Amino acid sequence: MFYYVLKYAVLGPLLRLTFRPRIEGLEHIPDDGAAIVAGNHLSFSDHFLMPAILKRRITFLAKAEYFTGPGIKGRLTAAFFHSIGQIPVDRSGKEAGQAAIREGLGVLSKGELLGIYPEGTRSHDGRLYKGKVGVAVMAIKAGVPVIPCAMVGTFEIQPPGQKVPSVKRVTIRFGEPLDFSRYAGLEDQKAAIRAVTDEIMYAILGLSGQEYVDEYAAKAKAAQPADSKKVPRRSL
């Protein structure tokens, strides 16, 4: 109940009024049935803007750190993310990827929308990074379409380290659903899941106009000097 109050009466109208998002391709989101919405991840604001414009409820796999913060602030943050349907996923350890896949498949098995950022973390410089294969495994195992999504302009309104977003207009684009039924039964084949993941990332790239980097975002971020500030190539 709180999810719908927040979405339709409080947060949703506020976000629409403040950022006046341009929405393109919304007709590609199915009215019912399971599907994966896979998008780029440029800003903390992405967590709120995309769900706010969808007619259907969407569940995201969120990093466990959002649910384990200390003190009153941490408890309030955890309660908020639980209330908007986010599922905590521990990204550390060998079982992290399998845990995320299990949680995602659970959402899809109920005929719901699952949101996922294949890059695995926010882009630190506005570029699009190599996708992790978990999205492909879930799409093949569940036999569901993947709708690519591009957030355009959210890096500019809230780059890493900026707590309060700037008030600027953003664009949210959805592409045509991608069908991977031809890969049925191949979710354990490395070549197959890599091919599916790359196809998803290429579709996102076509929608976002970002510069692409064939490297995982977390690795690239870790290699960045603490004081470096690379200027991103602006989205189309």
Protein backbone atom coordinates (compact mmCIF):
# COMPACT_ATOMS: atom_id res chain seq x y z
CA MET A 1 0.00 0.00 0.00
CA PHE A 2 2.78 2.45 0.97
CA TYR A 3 4.47 1.79 -2.39
CA TYR A 4 1.43 2.99 -4.32
CA VAL A 5 0.84 6.00 -2.06
CA LEU A 6 4.47 7.03 -2.53
CA LYS A 7 4.44 6.39 -6.28
CA TYR A 8 1.14 7.99 -7.23
CA ALA A 9 0.48 10.57 -4.52
CA VAL A 10 3.85 11.76 -3.19
CA LEU A 11 7.17 10.97 -4.85
CA GLY A 12 5.96 10.28 -8.37
CA PRO A 13 4.13 13.60 -8.91
CA LEU A 14 7.00 15.50 -7.23
CA LEU A 15 9.63 13.97 -9.52
CA ARG A 16 7.54 14.55 -12.62
CA LEU A 17 6.97 18.18 -11.69
CA THR A 18 10.60 18.83 -10.74
CA PHE A 19 12.48 17.10 -13.56
CA ARG A 20 9.77 17.08 -16.29
CA PRO A 21 11.17 13.86 -17.76
CA ARG A 22 10.84 13.24 -21.47
CA ILE A 23 9.59 9.68 -21.82
CA GLU A 24 10.22 7.77 -25.02
CA GLY A 25 9.20 4.21 -25.89
CA LEU A 26 6.95 3.62 -22.90
CA GLU A 27 4.77 1.45 -25.14
CA HIS A 28 7.52 -1.20 -25.06
CA ILE A 29 6.78 -1.94 -21.40
CA PRO A 30 4.24 -4.82 -21.34
CA ASP A 31 0.96 -4.23 -19.52
CA ASP A 32 1.34 -7.54 -17.70
CA GLY A 33 3.63 -10.54 -17.45
CA ALA A 34 7.24 -10.94 -16.43
CA ALA A 35 9.98 -8.92 -18.10
CA ILE A 36 13.40 -7.47 -17.29
CA VAL A 37 14.08 -3.77 -17.68
CA ALA A 38 17.84 -3.38 -18.09
CA GLY A 39 19.30 0.11 -17.98
CA ASN A 40 22.42 2.18 -17.68
CA HIS A 41 23.20 3.57 -14.24
CA LEU A 42 24.47 7.13 -14.04
CA SER A 43 23.10 8.53 -10.82
CA PHE A 44 21.49 7.76 -7.48
CA SER A 45 18.44 9.52 -8.91
CA ASP A 46 17.94 6.64 -11.37
CA HIS A 47 16.47 4.57 -8.52
CA PHE A 48 13.51 6.93 -8.31
CA LEU A 49 13.00 8.53 -11.71
CA MET A 50 12.46 5.42 -13.81
CA PRO A 51 10.05 3.66 -11.39
CA ALA A 52 8.13 6.92 -11.00
CA ILE A 53 7.14 7.08 -14.67
CA LEU A 54 6.16 3.42 -15.10
CA LYS A 55 2.53 2.43 -14.78
CA ARG A 56 3.50 -0.96 -13.35
CA ARG A 57 5.39 -1.72 -10.19
CA ILE A 58 9.03 -2.60 -10.77
CA THR A 59 11.38 -4.32 -8.32
CA PHE A 60 15.09 -3.60 -8.36
CA LEU A 61 17.93 -5.58 -6.90
CA ALA A 62 19.72 -3.04 -4.70
CA LYS A 63 23.06 -3.26 -2.97
CA ALA A 64 22.84 -4.47 0.62
CA GLU A 65 24.64 -1.36 1.89
CA TYR A 66 21.43 0.63 1.41
CA PHE A 67 19.80 -1.56 4.07
CA THR A 68 22.60 -1.80 6.64
CA GLY A 69 23.55 1.79 7.41
CA PRO A 70 24.11 2.74 11.07
CA GLY A 71 21.92 4.89 13.28
CA ILE A 72 18.56 6.47 12.67
CA LYS A 73 19.50 7.55 9.15
CA GLY A 74 20.44 3.99 8.27
CA ARG A 75 17.18 2.59 9.61
CA LEU A 76 15.14 5.19 7.76
CA THR A 77 17.02 4.50 4.52
CA ALA A 78 16.48 0.76 4.89
CA ALA A 79 12.77 1.24 5.62
CA PHE A 80 12.41 3.47 2.58
CA PHE A 81 14.07 1.03 0.18
CA HIS A 82 12.01 -1.85 1.57
CA SER A 83 8.84 0.21 1.16
CA ILE A 84 9.49 0.89 -2.54
CA GLY A 85 10.06 -2.78 -3.26
CA GLN A 86 13.85 -2.94 -3.44
CA ILE A 87 15.52 -6.27 -2.64
CA PRO A 88 18.89 -6.18 -0.83
CA VAL A 89 21.68 -8.16 -2.47
CA ASP A 90 25.06 -8.75 -0.87
CA ARG A 91 27.61 -8.08 -3.62
CA SER A 92 30.59 -9.48 -1.70
CA GLY A 93 31.82 -13.05 -1.76
CA LYS A 94 31.65 -15.85 -4.30
CA GLU A 95 27.91 -16.46 -3.85
CA ALA A 96 26.89 -12.85 -4.45
CA GLY A 97 26.08 -13.32 -8.13
CA GLN A 98 24.09 -16.51 -7.55
CA ALA A 99 22.13 -14.86 -4.74
CA ALA A 100 21.18 -11.97 -7.02
CA ILE A 101 20.08 -14.38 -9.75
CA ARG A 102 17.92 -16.35 -7.29
CA GLU A 103 16.23 -13.18 -6.06
CA GLY A 104 15.67 -11.93 -9.59
CA LEU A 105 14.18 -15.21 -10.77
CA GLY A 106 11.84 -15.13 -7.77
CA VAL A 107 10.47 -11.76 -8.90
CA LEU A 108 10.06 -12.96 -12.49
CA SER A 109 8.34 -16.19 -11.41
CA LYS A 110 5.51 -14.03 -10.02
CA GLY A 111 4.97 -12.37 -13.39
CA GLU A 112 6.44 -9.06 -12.27
CA LEU A 113 8.83 -6.49 -13.71
CA LEU A 114 12.45 -6.78 -12.61
CA GLY A 115 14.79 -3.82 -12.91
CA ILE A 116 18.52 -4.36 -13.18
CA TYR A 117 21.64 -2.38 -13.97
CA PRO A 118 23.92 -4.79 -15.88
CA GLU A 119 27.00 -2.64 -15.20
CA GLY A 120 26.67 -3.63 -11.54
CA THR A 121 27.38 -0.16 -10.17
CA ARG A 122 26.97 3.50 -11.06
CA SER A 123 29.21 4.89 -13.76
CA HIS A 124 31.78 7.17 -12.16
CA ASP A 125 32.43 9.20 -15.31
CA GLY A 126 29.24 9.06 -17.37
CA ARG A 127 30.45 6.36 -19.77
CA LEU A 128 28.79 2.98 -20.36
CA TYR A 129 30.73 -0.02 -19.08
CA LYS A 130 30.79 -3.74 -19.82
CA GLY A 131 27.74 -5.63 -18.58
CA LYS A 132 27.80 -8.47 -16.09
CA VAL A 133 26.21 -11.71 -17.28
CA GLY A 134 23.64 -12.18 -14.51
CA VAL A 135 20.99 -10.38 -16.58
CA ALA A 136 21.52 -12.89 -19.40
CA VAL A 137 21.25 -15.89 -17.08
CA MET A 138 17.96 -14.62 -15.68
CA ALA A 139 16.53 -13.77 -19.09
CA ILE A 140 17.34 -17.22 -20.49
CA LYS A 141 16.27 -19.20 -17.42
CA ALA A 142 13.00 -17.34 -16.98
CA GLY A 143 12.32 -17.12 -20.72
CA VAL A 144 11.36 -13.44 -20.49
CA PRO A 145 12.03 -10.45 -22.75
CA VAL A 146 14.55 -7.77 -21.84
CA ILE A 147 13.56 -4.14 -22.39
CA PRO A 148 16.64 -1.90 -22.72
CA CYS A 149 16.41 1.46 -20.99
CA ALA A 150 18.59 4.57 -21.14
CA MET A 151 18.66 7.31 -18.55
CA VAL A 152 19.89 10.48 -20.27
CA GLY A 153 20.92 13.53 -18.27
CA THR A 154 20.87 12.00 -14.79
CA PHE A 155 24.67 12.09 -14.53
CA GLU A 156 24.50 15.83 -15.02
CA ILE A 157 21.82 16.37 -12.37
CA GLN A 158 23.51 14.22 -9.74
CA PRO A 159 27.06 13.04 -10.43
CA PRO A 160 28.87 10.89 -7.84
CA GLY A 161 29.35 12.74 -4.57
CA GLN A 162 26.50 15.21 -5.08
CA LYS A 163 23.84 14.58 -2.45
CA VAL A 164 21.09 16.85 -3.75
CA PRO A 165 20.25 16.63 -7.46
CA SER A 166 20.21 19.74 -9.64
CA VAL A 167 16.90 20.64 -11.22
CA LYS A 168 17.30 19.91 -14.93
CA ARG A 169 15.21 18.04 -17.43
CA VAL A 170 16.08 14.39 -18.08
CA THR A 171 15.11 11.83 -20.71
CA ILE A 172 14.10 8.21 -20.14
CA ARG A 173 14.13 5.97 -23.24
CA PHE A 174 12.87 2.42 -23.58
CA GLY A 175 13.80 0.26 -26.55
CA GLU A 176 12.01 -2.62 -28.21
CA PRO A 177 11.93 -5.86 -26.17
CA LEU A 178 14.80 -8.24 -26.88
CA ASP A 179 13.87 -11.89 -27.33
CA PHE A 180 16.47 -14.46 -26.32
CA SER A 181 14.35 -17.59 -26.64
CA ARG A 182 16.84 -18.93 -29.19
CA TYR A 183 19.28 -19.38 -26.29
CA ALA A 184 16.91 -21.57 -24.25
CA GLY A 185 18.83 -24.11 -22.17
CA LEU A 186 22.19 -22.37 -22.72
CA GLU A 187 22.31 -20.35 -19.49
CA ASP A 188 25.37 -22.34 -18.37
CA GLN A 189 27.30 -21.69 -21.59
CA LYS A 190 29.76 -18.82 -21.15
CA ALA A 191 29.75 -17.87 -24.82
CA ALA A 192 25.96 -17.73 -24.91
CA ILE A 193 25.47 -15.58 -21.83
CA ARG A 194 28.27 -13.25 -22.91
CA ALA A 195 26.63 -12.83 -26.32
CA VAL A 196 23.24 -12.08 -24.73
CA THR A 197 24.76 -9.59 -22.30
CA ASP A 198 26.65 -7.79 -25.05
CA GLU A 199 23.49 -7.55 -27.15
CA ILE A 200 21.67 -5.96 -24.21
CA MET A 201 24.50 -3.47 -23.62
CA TYR A 202 24.61 -2.60 -27.33
CA ALA A 203 20.88 -1.85 -27.24
CA ILE A 204 21.34 0.40 -24.20
CA LEU A 205 24.26 2.12 -25.94
CA GLY A 206 22.09 2.84 -28.98
CA LEU A 207 19.51 4.50 -26.75
CA SER A 208 21.89 6.47 -24.52
CA GLY A 209 24.58 7.67 -26.94
CA GLN A 210 27.24 7.18 -24.28
CA GLU A 211 30.87 6.36 -24.90
CA TYR A 212 31.38 2.62 -24.35
CA VAL A 213 34.23 1.10 -22.34
CA ASP A 214 34.91 -2.63 -22.68
CA GLU A 215 35.81 -3.00 -19.01
CA TYR A 216 33.82 -3.58 -15.85
CA ALA A 217 32.83 -0.35 -14.12
CA ALA A 218 33.97 -1.48 -10.66
CA LYS A 219 37.45 -2.30 -11.97
CA ALA A 220 37.74 1.00 -13.83
CA LYS A 221 36.51 2.92 -10.80
CA ALA A 222 39.03 1.21 -8.51
CA ALA A 223 41.86 2.12 -10.89
CA GLN A 224 40.95 5.81 -10.89
CA PRO A 225 43.19 8.11 -8.79
CA ALA A 226 41.19 9.54 -5.91
CA ASP A 227 41.62 13.11 -7.16
CA SER A 228 40.98 12.45 -10.85
CA LYS A 229 37.89 13.92 -12.47
CA LYS A 230 37.40 12.71 -16.00
CA VAL A 231 34.96 14.79 -18.00
CA PRO A 232 32.33 12.44 -19.51
CA ARG A 233 31.23 12.50 -23.10
CA ARG A 234 27.77 14.02 -22.97
CA SER A 235 24.78 11.87 -23.81
CA LEU A 236 22.83 12.53 -26.98
